[in-house]
C-alpha atoms as a PDB file:
ATOM      1  CA  MET A   1       0.000   0.000   0.000  1.00  0.00           C
ATOM      2  CA  SER A   2       1.398   3.381  -0.954  1.00  0.00           C
ATOM      3  CA  VAL A   3       1.045   6.427   1.235  1.00  0.00           C
ATOM      4  CA  ILE A   4       0.631   9.872  -0.298  1.00  0.00           C
ATOM      5  CA  ALA A   5       2.294  12.678   1.582  1.00  0.00           C
ATOM      6  CA  PRO A   6      -0.067  15.643   2.199  1.00  0.00           C
ATOM      7  CA  VAL A   7       2.367  18.018   0.480  1.00  0.00           C
ATOM      8  CA  ASN A   8       1.709  16.209  -2.807  1.00  0.00           C
ATOM      9  CA  LEU A   9      -2.023  16.772  -2.677  1.00  0.00           C
ATOM     10  CA  PRO A  10      -3.608  19.637  -4.631  1.00  0.00           C
ATOM     11  CA  ALA A  11      -4.828  22.695  -2.750  1.00  0.00           C
ATOM     12  CA  THR A  12      -8.435  21.831  -3.587  1.00  0.00           C
ATOM     13  CA  GLY A  13     -10.237  18.638  -4.446  1.00  0.00           C
ATOM     14  CA  ASN A  14     -11.024  19.862  -7.948  1.00  0.00           C
ATOM     15  CA  LEU A  15      -8.116  18.613 -10.041  1.00  0.00           C
ATOM     16  CA  ALA A  16      -9.723  19.702 -13.332  1.00  0.00           C
ATOM     17  CA  THR A  17      -9.366  23.389 -12.485  1.00  0.00           C
ATOM     18  CA  ASN A  18      -5.856  23.030 -11.071  1.00  0.00           C
ATOM     19  CA  VAL A  19      -4.309  22.009 -14.379  1.00  0.00           C
ATOM     20  CA  PRO A  20      -4.003  24.974 -16.793  1.00  0.00           C
ATOM     21  CA  GLY A  21      -3.733  22.686 -19.836  1.00  0.00           C
ATOM     22  CA  LYS A  22      -7.028  20.990 -19.013  1.00  0.00           C
ATOM     23  CA  THR A  23      -8.743  24.303 -18.405  1.00  0.00           C
ATOM     24  CA  ALA A  24      -7.554  25.665 -21.748  1.00  0.00           C
ATOM     25  CA  ARG A  25      -8.637  22.454 -23.475  1.00  0.00           C
ATOM     26  CA  LEU A  26     -12.108  22.610 -21.922  1.00  0.00           C
ATOM     27  CA  THR A  27     -12.447  26.307 -22.787  1.00  0.00           C
ATOM     28  CA  SER A  28     -11.465  25.605 -26.371  1.00  0.00           C
ATOM     29  CA  ALA A  29     -13.913  22.702 -26.638  1.00  0.00           C
ATOM     30  CA  ALA A  30     -16.751  24.810 -25.231  1.00  0.00           C
ATOM     31  CA  GLU A  31     -16.022  27.660 -27.650  1.00  0.00           C
ATOM     32  CA  GLU A  32     -15.834  25.234 -30.575  1.00  0.00           C
ATOM     33  CA  PHE A  33     -19.188  23.758 -29.552  1.00  0.00           C
ATOM     34  CA  GLU A  34     -20.768  27.218 -29.418  1.00  0.00           C
ATOM     35  CA  SER A  35     -19.307  28.078 -32.815  1.00  0.00           C
ATOM     36  CA  VAL A  36     -20.607  24.900 -34.471  1.00  0.00           C
ATOM     37  CA  LEU A  37     -24.029  25.343 -32.867  1.00  0.00           C
ATOM     38  CA  LEU A  38     -24.225  28.968 -33.986  1.00  0.00           C
ATOM     39  CA  GLY A  39     -23.133  27.956 -37.489  1.00  0.00           C
ATOM     40  CA  GLN A  40     -25.951  25.437 -37.686  1.00  0.00           C
ATOM     41  CA  TRP A  41     -28.485  27.969 -36.405  1.00  0.00           C
ATOM     42  CA  LEU A  42     -27.297  30.566 -38.915  1.00  0.00           C
ATOM     43  CA  LYS A  43     -27.409  28.038 -41.731  1.00  0.00           C
ATOM     44  CA  ASP A  44     -30.952  27.002 -40.757  1.00  0.00           C
ATOM     45  CA  ALA A  45     -32.049  30.632 -40.474  1.00  0.00           C
ATOM     46  CA  GLU A  46     -30.550  31.503 -43.848  1.00  0.00           C
ATOM     47  CA  SER A  47     -32.250  28.558 -45.540  1.00  0.00           C
ATOM     48  CA  THR A  48     -35.669  29.770 -44.378  1.00  0.00           C
ATOM     49  CA  PHE A  49     -35.357  32.903 -46.504  1.00  0.00           C
ATOM     50  CA  GLY A  50     -36.803  32.684 -49.992  1.00  0.00           C
ATOM     51  CA  SER A  51     -34.370  32.387 -52.860  1.00  0.00           C
ATOM     52  CA  VAL A  52     -34.249  34.737 -55.791  1.00  0.00           C
ATOM     53  CA  SER A  53     -34.291  33.221 -59.248  1.00  0.00           C
ATOM     54  CA  GLY A  54     -30.778  33.248 -60.701  1.00  0.00           C
ATOM     55  CA  SER A  55     -29.101  33.489 -57.300  1.00  0.00           C
ATOM     56  CA  GLU A  56     -25.995  31.572 -56.300  1.00  0.00           C
ATOM     57  CA  GLU A  57     -28.166  28.870 -54.693  1.00  0.00           C
ATOM     58  CA  GLU A  58     -28.603  27.245 -58.081  1.00  0.00           C
ATOM     59  CA  ASP A  59     -25.010  25.991 -58.155  1.00  0.00           C
ATOM     60  CA  SER A  60     -23.183  23.780 -55.680  1.00  0.00           C
ATOM     61  CA  GLY A  61     -20.271  26.229 -55.371  1.00  0.00           C
ATOM     62  CA  GLY A  62     -22.592  28.966 -54.154  1.00  0.00           C
ATOM     63  CA  GLU A  63     -24.149  26.638 -51.592  1.00  0.00           C
ATOM     64  CA  GLN A  64     -20.708  25.654 -50.269  1.00  0.00           C
ATOM     65  CA  MET A  65     -19.676  29.292 -50.087  1.00  0.00           C
ATOM     66  CA  LYS A  66     -22.769  30.097 -48.002  1.00  0.00           C
ATOM     67  CA  GLU A  67     -21.956  27.249 -45.613  1.00  0.00           C
ATOM     68  CA  PHE A  68     -18.367  28.484 -45.226  1.00  0.00           C
ATOM     69  CA  THR A  69     -19.644  32.028 -44.709  1.00  0.00           C
ATOM     70  CA  MET A  70     -22.119  30.970 -42.016  1.00  0.00           C
ATOM     71  CA  GLN A  71     -19.474  28.960 -40.165  1.00  0.00           C
ATOM     72  CA  HIS A  72     -16.986  31.839 -40.362  1.00  0.00           C
ATOM     73  CA  LEU A  73     -19.623  34.243 -39.070  1.00  0.00           C
ATOM     74  CA  ALA A  74     -20.387  31.859 -36.211  1.00  0.00           C
ATOM     75  CA  SER A  75     -16.676  31.599 -35.355  1.00  0.00           C
ATOM     76  CA  GLU A  76     -16.348  35.387 -35.317  1.00  0.00           C
ATOM     77  CA  ILE A  77     -19.400  35.762 -33.078  1.00  0.00           C
ATOM     78  CA  THR A  78     -17.934  33.216 -30.661  1.00  0.00           C
ATOM     79  CA  TYR A  79     -14.476  34.854 -30.798  1.00  0.00           C
ATOM     80  CA  ARG A  80     -15.997  38.234 -29.927  1.00  0.00           C
ATOM     81  CA  GLY A  81     -17.841  36.963 -26.863  1.00  0.00           C
ATOM     82  CA  GLY A  82     -20.506  34.709 -28.300  1.00  0.00           C
ATOM     83  CA  ILE A  83     -24.014  34.455 -27.000  1.00  0.00           C
ATOM     84  CA  GLY A  84     -23.193  32.921 -23.622  1.00  0.00           C
ATOM     85  CA  ILE A  85     -23.283  29.222 -24.439  1.00  0.00           C
ATOM     86  CA  ALA A  86     -19.532  28.546 -24.184  1.00  0.00           C
ATOM     87  CA  PRO A  87     -19.173  29.511 -20.483  1.00  0.00           C
ATOM     88  CA  ILE A  88     -22.127  27.298 -19.566  1.00  0.00           C
ATOM     89  CA  VAL A  89     -20.715  24.344 -21.506  1.00  0.00           C
ATOM     90  CA  GLU A  90     -17.247  24.950 -20.039  1.00  0.00           C
ATOM     91  CA  LYS A  91     -18.636  24.945 -16.497  1.00  0.00           C
ATOM     92  CA  ALA A  92     -20.502  21.686 -17.167  1.00  0.00           C
ATOM     93  CA  LEU A  93     -17.381  20.089 -18.672  1.00  0.00           C
ATOM     94  CA  MET A  94     -15.279  21.151 -15.681  1.00  0.00           C
ATOM     95  CA  LYS A  95     -17.861  19.740 -13.290  1.00  0.00           C
ATOM     96  CA  GLN A  96     -17.936  16.465 -15.228  1.00  0.00           C
ATOM     97  CA  GLU A  97     -14.136  16.318 -15.368  1.00  0.00           C
ATOM     98  CA  ALA A  98     -13.911  16.967 -11.621  1.00  0.00           C
ATOM     99  CA  SER A  99     -16.405  14.199 -10.862  1.00  0.00           C
ATOM    100  CA  ASN A 100     -14.476  11.811 -13.140  1.00  0.00           C
ATOM    101  CA  VAL A 101     -11.211  12.621 -11.337  1.00  0.00           C
ATOM    102  CA  THR A 102     -12.870  12.253  -7.940  1.00  0.00           C
ATOM    103  CA  PHE A 103     -14.376   8.938  -9.024  1.00  0.00           C
ATOM    104  CA  ARG A 104     -11.006   7.591 -10.221  1.00  0.00           C
ATOM    105  CA  GLU A 105      -9.117   8.944  -7.185  1.00  0.00           C
ATOM    106  CA  GLY A 106     -11.748   7.734  -4.739  1.00  0.00           C
ATOM    107  CA  GLY A 107     -11.301   4.096  -5.623  1.00  0.00           C
ATOM    108  CA  GLY A 108     -14.497   3.711  -7.628  1.00  0.00           C
ATOM    109  CA  ARG A 109     -17.020   4.802  -5.035  1.00  0.00           C
END
């Protein structure tokens, strides 16, 4: 049986927030999720508008360009602060990560 010296223990029980790399990874994942979700919403909203005869929608290149444009717009919205989804997702991911670490460290309780 190994004994862990108290000096080796983290200051808090939440290991997920004590590791800067994990925090940055979770933040990035949450922002990416918000960006993809916004891109889908923008794409869906754009498709509800009526098309004009002769518009770029009649060719596949124009449709791809619109998809790229919507995703870029979503990424820019997220980069500039988003709509508040990323912080909520990040908090949930951190909570899940902390419970996973506690579960593994606690011997499977």
